[in-house]
Amino acid sequence: MRILLPLMFLLFTVSCGNHTQQDTVELKPVAVTAQRLPEQPVINSKDLDCLATNIYFEARGEPHLGKIAVAHVTLNRVKSKSFPNDICGVVYQAKTNSRGTPIRHQCQFSWYCDGKLEVIDEKDKYEEIRKLAEEILSEQQEDVTHGAEFYHSVKVSPFWRTAFTQTVVINDHIFYKKG
């Protein structure tokens, strides 16, 4: 977008010792190019809540980088055709019984169907994680997992790990992607 600024006159006064002089200067029109600021993505509050909840229960005890990694695995799954196409769908994805109830230990994220009551009891920690989730959804954090859709603790060796390519180890977790 080009904007032409109008012709303007500037009146200024110069003082030097006992002498004062007034002068008028003509300012010529100048064409300038206006640049738009990059648009910030609109953040859906439900998506924000689901992402923050997942980070909280999966990684609240992890260092900062571990929290970012869990968030990006969640978002990478949203982008994949193999998972639901929204954040809450990915977070709460589970095999269910005939009544629609998640089957214990058959969820994508273990906290969701581990049989324990999930209560956010560390409010300050949750608020900190929610701010981080908002930054990530605003695309202010790089994907430190290099496109990973899966991860596991270094303490276990799941059967599925050999079917994927390892991308990175962050803290006590190993991250993988397809291909």
Foldseek 3Di string as FASTA:
>chain_A
DKDKDDKDKDWDWDDDPPDIDIDIDTDDIDIDDDDDDDDFDDDDVVLLVLLLLLLCVQPLPHPPVVSLQSSLLLCLQLVDPVFPVGSNRQSFPADADPVRHHDQPGHQRNVNRPPDDDDDPPVVSSVVSSVVSVCVSRVVDDNPQVSFNDKDFLVDDDPCPVQFDWRDDDDRMTTTHHD
